[in-house]
C-alpha atoms as a PDB file:
ATOM      1  CA  MET A   1      10.706 -45.147 -35.317  1.00  0.00           C
ATOM      2  CA  LYS A   2       7.758 -45.845 -38.126  1.00  0.00           C
ATOM      3  CA  LEU A   3       7.932 -48.117 -40.316  1.00  0.00           C
ATOM      4  CA  ASP A   4       6.069 -48.719 -43.653  1.00  0.00           C
ATOM      5  CA  ALA A   5       4.298 -52.048 -43.501  1.00  0.00           C
ATOM      6  CA  ALA A   6       3.537 -51.781 -46.676  1.00  0.00           C
ATOM      7  CA  PHE A   7       6.999 -51.039 -48.227  1.00  0.00           C
ATOM      8  CA  ASP A   8       8.482 -53.532 -46.079  1.00  0.00           C
ATOM      9  CA  THR A   9       5.702 -56.423 -47.413  1.00  0.00           C
ATOM     10  CA  ARG A  10       7.405 -55.485 -50.927  1.00  0.00           C
ATOM     11  CA  LEU A  11      11.048 -55.770 -49.379  1.00  0.00           C
ATOM     12  CA  LEU A  12      10.057 -59.469 -48.141  1.00  0.00           C
ATOM     13  CA  ASP A  13       9.087 -60.086 -50.574  1.00  0.00           C
ATOM     14  CA  ASP A  14      12.167 -59.325 -52.947  1.00  0.00           C
ATOM     15  CA  CYS A  15      14.077 -60.740 -50.725  1.00  0.00           C
ATOM     16  CA  SER A  16      12.589 -64.338 -50.405  1.00  0.00           C
ATOM     17  CA  GLU A  17      13.257 -63.882 -54.278  1.00  0.00           C
ATOM     18  CA  GLY A  18      16.851 -63.287 -53.940  1.00  0.00           C
ATOM     19  CA  ASP A  19      17.266 -59.769 -54.604  1.00  0.00           C
ATOM     20  CA  ALA A  20      20.806 -58.595 -53.278  1.00  0.00           C
ATOM     21  CA  ALA A  21      19.917 -54.973 -53.746  1.00  0.00           C
ATOM     22  CA  ALA A  22      17.031 -55.908 -51.097  1.00  0.00           C
ATOM     23  CA  TRP A  23      19.105 -57.545 -48.629  1.00  0.00           C
ATOM     24  CA  ARG A  24      21.111 -53.904 -48.665  1.00  0.00           C
ATOM     25  CA  LYS A  25      18.165 -51.666 -48.333  1.00  0.00           C
ATOM     26  CA  LEU A  26      16.392 -54.167 -45.883  1.00  0.00           C
ATOM     27  CA  HIS A  27      19.662 -53.917 -43.752  1.00  0.00           C
ATOM     28  CA  HIS A  28      20.136 -49.957 -43.931  1.00  0.00           C
ATOM     29  CA  ARG A  29      16.349 -49.681 -42.914  1.00  0.00           C
ATOM     30  CA  TYR A  30      16.900 -51.957 -40.269  1.00  0.00           C
ATOM     31  CA  TYR A  31      20.404 -51.710 -38.800  1.00  0.00           C
ATOM     32  CA  PRO A  32      19.792 -48.379 -36.846  1.00  0.00           C
ATOM     33  CA  VAL A  33      16.470 -49.522 -35.187  1.00  0.00           C
ATOM     34  CA  ALA A  34      18.933 -52.977 -33.871  1.00  0.00           C
ATOM     35  CA  ALA A  35      21.345 -51.016 -32.816  1.00  0.00           C
ATOM     36  CA  ALA A  36      19.998 -48.860 -30.861  1.00  0.00           C
ATOM     37  CA  PHE A  37      17.107 -51.273 -29.464  1.00  0.00           C
ATOM     38  CA  LEU A  38      20.407 -53.708 -28.692  1.00  0.00           C
ATOM     39  CA  ARG A  39      22.822 -50.780 -26.499  1.00  0.00           C
ATOM     40  CA  LYS A  40      19.074 -49.747 -24.657  1.00  0.00           C
ATOM     41  CA  LEU A  41      18.909 -53.706 -23.968  1.00  0.00           C
ATOM     42  CA  GLY A  42      22.328 -53.589 -22.824  1.00  0.00           C
ATOM     43  CA  VAL A  43      24.007 -54.533 -25.065  1.00  0.00           C
ATOM     44  CA  LEU A  44      27.652 -52.681 -24.324  1.00  0.00           C
ATOM     45  CA  ASP A  45      29.581 -50.404 -27.417  1.00  0.00           C
ATOM     46  CA  ARG A  46      32.131 -52.862 -27.898  1.00  0.00           C
ATOM     47  CA  ASP A  47      30.261 -56.200 -28.107  1.00  0.00           C
ATOM     48  CA  LEU A  48      26.766 -54.025 -30.707  1.00  0.00           C
ATOM     49  CA  ASP A  49      28.505 -54.412 -34.261  1.00  0.00           C
ATOM     50  CA  ASP A  50      28.737 -57.923 -33.540  1.00  0.00           C
ATOM     51  CA  ALA A  51      25.269 -57.995 -31.942  1.00  0.00           C
ATOM     52  CA  VAL A  52      23.949 -56.154 -35.019  1.00  0.00           C
ATOM     53  CA  GLN A  53      25.683 -58.997 -37.575  1.00  0.00           C
ATOM     54  CA  GLU A  54      24.545 -61.800 -35.395  1.00  0.00           C
ATOM     55  CA  VAL A  55      20.570 -60.231 -35.942  1.00  0.00           C
ATOM     56  CA  PHE A  56      20.952 -59.939 -39.508  1.00  0.00           C
ATOM     57  CA  LEU A  57      21.836 -63.245 -40.194  1.00  0.00           C
ATOM     58  CA  GLN A  58      19.377 -64.744 -38.216  1.00  0.00           C
ATOM     59  CA  VAL A  59      17.128 -62.431 -39.846  1.00  0.00           C
ATOM     60  CA  TYR A  60      18.730 -64.457 -43.379  1.00  0.00           C
ATOM     61  CA  LYS A  61      18.703 -67.345 -41.676  1.00  0.00           C
ATOM     62  CA  TYR A  62      15.180 -67.685 -40.630  1.00  0.00           C
ATOM     63  CA  LEU A  63      13.555 -65.404 -43.657  1.00  0.00           C
ATOM     64  CA  PRO A  64      11.841 -68.177 -45.484  1.00  0.00           C
ATOM     65  CA  SER A  65      10.383 -69.621 -42.023  1.00  0.00           C
ATOM     66  CA  PHE A  66       8.841 -66.457 -41.356  1.00  0.00           C
ATOM     67  CA  ARG A  67       5.060 -65.985 -41.711  1.00  0.00           C
ATOM     68  CA  ARG A  68       4.353 -62.709 -42.311  1.00  0.00           C
ATOM     69  CA  GLN A  69       1.733 -62.535 -38.952  1.00  0.00           C
ATOM     70  CA  ALA A  70       3.332 -59.860 -37.223  1.00  0.00           C
ATOM     71  CA  GLU A  71       5.323 -56.768 -38.951  1.00  0.00           C
ATOM     72  CA  LEU A  72       8.794 -56.849 -39.976  1.00  0.00           C
ATOM     73  CA  SER A  73       9.903 -54.844 -37.799  1.00  0.00           C
ATOM     74  CA  THR A  74       8.308 -57.030 -34.300  1.00  0.00           C
ATOM     75  CA  TRP A  75      10.014 -60.319 -35.962  1.00  0.00           C
ATOM     76  CA  VAL A  76      13.283 -58.280 -35.253  1.00  0.00           C
ATOM     77  CA  TYR A  77      12.730 -56.422 -31.914  1.00  0.00           C
ATOM     78  CA  ARG A  78      11.875 -60.343 -30.891  1.00  0.00           C
ATOM     79  CA  ILE A  79      15.473 -61.418 -32.393  1.00  0.00           C
ATOM     80  CA  CYS A  80      17.308 -58.442 -31.021  1.00  0.00           C
ATOM     81  CA  ILE A  81      15.932 -59.570 -27.023  1.00  0.00           C
ATOM     82  CA  SER A  82      16.926 -63.100 -27.706  1.00  0.00           C
ATOM     83  CA  GLU A  83      19.983 -61.594 -29.025  1.00  0.00           C
ATOM     84  CA  ALA A  84      21.137 -58.931 -26.274  1.00  0.00           C
ATOM     85  CA  ARG A  85      20.082 -61.482 -23.579  1.00  0.00           C
ATOM     86  CA  ARG A  86      23.124 -63.682 -25.420  1.00  0.00           C
ATOM     87  CA  VAL A  87      25.346 -61.012 -25.234  1.00  0.00           C
ATOM     88  CA  ARG A  88      25.257 -60.641 -21.691  1.00  0.00           C
ATOM     89  CA  ARG A  89      25.443 -63.764 -20.663  1.00  0.00           C
ATOM     90  CA  ARG A  90      28.548 -64.174 -22.930  1.00  0.00           C
ATOM     91  CA  THR A  91      29.562 -60.858 -20.844  1.00  0.00           C
ATOM     92  CA  ARG A  92      28.448 -61.500 -17.804  1.00  0.00           C
ATOM     93  CA  VAL A  93      30.934 -64.439 -17.974  1.00  0.00           C
ATOM     94  CA  THR A  94      33.377 -63.474 -19.406  1.00  0.00           C
ATOM     95  CA  ASP A  95      33.437 -60.072 -16.642  1.00  0.00           C
ATOM     96  CA  ALA A  96      33.733 -62.818 -14.104  1.00  0.00           C
ATOM     97  CA  LEU A  97      36.227 -65.380 -15.425  1.00  0.00           C
ATOM     98  CA  LEU A  98      38.607 -61.591 -15.851  1.00  0.00           C
ATOM     99  CA  ARG A  99      37.744 -60.537 -12.370  1.00  0.00           C
ATOM    100  CA  VAL A 100      38.688 -64.439 -11.178  1.00  0.00           C
ATOM    101  CA  LEU A 101      41.724 -64.127 -13.197  1.00  0.00           C
ATOM    102  CA  SER A 102      42.520 -60.635 -11.884  1.00  0.00           C
ATOM    103  CA  LEU A 103      42.305 -59.219 -15.403  1.00  0.00           C
ATOM    104  CA  ASN A 104      40.065 -56.742 -15.116  1.00  0.00           C
ATOM    105  CA  PRO A 105      40.882 -54.705 -12.127  1.00  0.00           C
ATOM    106  CA  GLY A 106      37.799 -52.787 -10.906  1.00  0.00           C
ATOM    107  CA  ALA A 107      37.330 -49.013 -12.336  1.00  0.00           C
ATOM    108  CA  ALA A 108      38.440 -46.567 -10.636  1.00  0.00           C
ATOM    109  CA  LEU A 109      35.606 -44.301  -9.717  1.00  0.00           C
ATOM    110  CA  VAL A 110      36.483 -40.421 -10.663  1.00  0.00           C
ATOM    111  CA  SER A 111      34.552 -37.292 -10.233  1.00  0.00           C
ATOM    112  CA  ALA A 112      33.515 -35.314 -12.916  1.00  0.00           C
ATOM    113  CA  PRO A 113      32.831 -31.629 -13.271  1.00  0.00           C
ATOM    114  CA  SER A 114      29.946 -31.535 -14.286  1.00  0.00           C
ATOM    115  CA  PHE A 115      27.071 -33.768 -15.535  1.00  0.00           C
ATOM    116  CA  SER A 116      27.626 -34.208 -18.697  1.00  0.00           C
ATOM    117  CA  GLU A 117      26.151 -36.355 -21.924  1.00  0.00           C
ATOM    118  CA  ASP A 118      28.039 -38.763 -21.079  1.00  0.00           C
ATOM    119  CA  ALA A 119      27.525 -38.789 -18.043  1.00  0.00           C
ATOM    120  CA  ALA A 120      23.689 -39.354 -18.047  1.00  0.00           C
ATOM    121  CA  ARG A 121      24.113 -42.021 -20.788  1.00  0.00           C
ATOM    122  CA  ARG A 122      26.177 -44.174 -18.349  1.00  0.00           C
ATOM    123  CA  ARG A 123      23.507 -43.718 -15.654  1.00  0.00           C
ATOM    124  CA  ILE A 124      20.354 -44.178 -17.475  1.00  0.00           C
ATOM    125  CA  ALA A 125      22.401 -47.949 -18.922  1.00  0.00           C
ATOM    126  CA  SER A 126      23.242 -48.210 -14.991  1.00  0.00           C
ATOM    127  CA  ALA A 127      19.224 -48.010 -14.842  1.00  0.00           C
ATOM    128  CA  LEU A 128      18.020 -50.268 -17.139  1.00  0.00           C
ATOM    129  CA  ARG A 129      20.627 -52.674 -15.613  1.00  0.00           C
ATOM    130  CA  GLU A 130      18.713 -52.700 -12.448  1.00  0.00           C
ATOM    131  CA  LEU A 131      15.993 -53.506 -14.410  1.00  0.00           C
ATOM    132  CA  SER A 132      14.470 -57.319 -14.650  1.00  0.00           C
ATOM    133  CA  GLU A 133      15.025 -58.947 -18.102  1.00  0.00           C
ATOM    134  CA  GLY A 134      11.262 -58.438 -18.968  1.00  0.00           C
ATOM    135  CA  GLU A 135      10.652 -55.121 -17.618  1.00  0.00           C
ATOM    136  CA  ARG A 136      13.629 -53.693 -18.636  1.00  0.00           C
ATOM    137  CA  ALA A 137      12.609 -55.587 -22.447  1.00  0.00           C
ATOM    138  CA  ALA A 138       9.163 -53.649 -21.885  1.00  0.00           C
ATOM    139  CA  PHE A 139      10.345 -50.321 -20.848  1.00  0.00           C
ATOM    140  CA  VAL A 140      12.352 -49.389 -24.010  1.00  0.00           C
ATOM    141  CA  LEU A 141      10.030 -50.598 -26.504  1.00  0.00           C
ATOM    142  CA  TYR A 142       7.291 -48.351 -24.753  1.00  0.00           C
ATOM    143  CA  GLU A 143       9.300 -45.577 -22.993  1.00  0.00           C
ATOM    144  CA  MET A 144      12.167 -45.034 -25.612  1.00  0.00           C
ATOM    145  CA  GLU A 145      10.825 -46.866 -29.231  1.00  0.00           C
ATOM    146  CA  GLY A 146       7.613 -46.095 -28.588  1.00  0.00           C
ATOM    147  CA  ILE A 147       6.290 -48.750 -29.456  1.00  0.00           C
ATOM    148  CA  PRO A 148       2.269 -49.308 -28.172  1.00  0.00           C
ATOM    149  CA  GLY A 149       1.514 -51.604 -25.722  1.00  0.00           C
ATOM    150  CA  LYS A 150      -0.661 -53.925 -28.383  1.00  0.00           C
ATOM    151  CA  GLN A 151       2.735 -54.006 -30.445  1.00  0.00           C
ATOM    152  CA  ILE A 152       5.389 -55.065 -27.165  1.00  0.00           C
ATOM    153  CA  ALA A 153       2.693 -57.881 -26.030  1.00  0.00           C
ATOM    154  CA  GLU A 154       3.144 -59.378 -29.943  1.00  0.00           C
ATOM    155  CA  ILE A 155       7.274 -59.154 -29.642  1.00  0.00           C
ATOM    156  CA  LEU A 156       7.210 -60.239 -26.123  1.00  0.00           C
ATOM    157  CA  SER A 157       4.893 -62.629 -26.477  1.00  0.00           C
ATOM    158  CA  CYS A 158       2.687 -62.022 -23.300  1.00  0.00           C
ATOM    159  CA  PRO A 159      -0.607 -60.729 -22.654  1.00  0.00           C
ATOM    160  CA  GLU A 160      -1.258 -56.884 -22.961  1.00  0.00           C
ATOM    161  CA  ALA A 161      -1.918 -56.975 -19.341  1.00  0.00           C
ATOM    162  CA  THR A 162       2.116 -58.324 -18.795  1.00  0.00           C
ATOM    163  CA  VAL A 163       3.634 -54.712 -20.743  1.00  0.00           C
ATOM    164  CA  TRP A 164       1.545 -53.101 -18.644  1.00  0.00           C
ATOM    165  CA  ARG A 165       2.206 -54.958 -15.360  1.00  0.00           C
ATOM    166  CA  ARG A 166       5.993 -54.838 -15.693  1.00  0.00           C
ATOM    167  CA  LEU A 167       5.881 -51.609 -17.320  1.00  0.00           C
ATOM    168  CA  HIS A 168       4.577 -50.034 -14.332  1.00  0.00           C
ATOM    169  CA  TYR A 169       7.517 -52.517 -12.134  1.00  0.00           C
ATOM    170  CA  ALA A 170      10.070 -50.819 -14.551  1.00  0.00           C
ATOM    171  CA  ARG A 171       9.681 -47.455 -14.344  1.00  0.00           C
ATOM    172  CA  ARG A 172       9.165 -47.421 -10.352  1.00  0.00           C
ATOM    173  CA  ALA A 173      12.712 -49.279 -10.789  1.00  0.00           C
ATOM    174  CA  PHE A 174      14.336 -47.177 -12.837  1.00  0.00           C
ATOM    175  CA  ARG A 175      13.333 -44.178 -10.894  1.00  0.00           C
ATOM    176  CA  ARG A 176      14.886 -45.264  -7.991  1.00  0.00           C
ATOM    177  CA  ALA A 177      17.984 -46.469  -9.458  1.00  0.00           C
ATOM    178  CA  LEU A 178      18.592 -42.711 -10.735  1.00  0.00           C
ATOM    179  CA  GLY A 179      17.493 -41.920  -6.791  1.00  0.00           C
ATOM    180  CA  ALA A 180      14.567 -40.164  -7.742  1.00  0.00           C
ATOM    181  CA  VAL A 181      12.010 -39.510  -5.174  1.00  0.00           C
ATOM    182  CA  GLU A 182       8.910 -42.408  -5.000  1.00  0.00           C
ATOM    183  CA  VAL A 183       5.323 -40.888  -4.988  1.00  0.00           C
END
């Protein structure tokens, strides 16, 4: 999604001045972006609303210290990456505890009569989980969000060459996880 930087600058100015309508506009503008990105980073639907809310709490809390050296969207993506990491960590701990306490028996495998969109979504989510955190972020930002490599480097706070290396390995691992033949 391409966002207008000039509009964001005016919006940030208004938010900084305490304009409640501007905060609603910022939330309305970035909620779908944050939710979609968090989902692609492995945040489960059950945790998604809380994770997006936490992202916006961070935006609200730290907006006065946002130096605007990067675009607003870059900053929001960075906050989403941190929040997704926190949510996944918490989910792993919770799931492990539930398994240990035998409160969550393993899900039964049921074969579907056909390959549905939902099955495809689950398969993609599973393949994304196979990627390392850095690879997943680079892959999702580039392949799914359409963000250029230079901006991804800013978001991930790494050299652009690192983005391309992570993307290369992520694509290979992603294809392997989906069962595609290596070329």
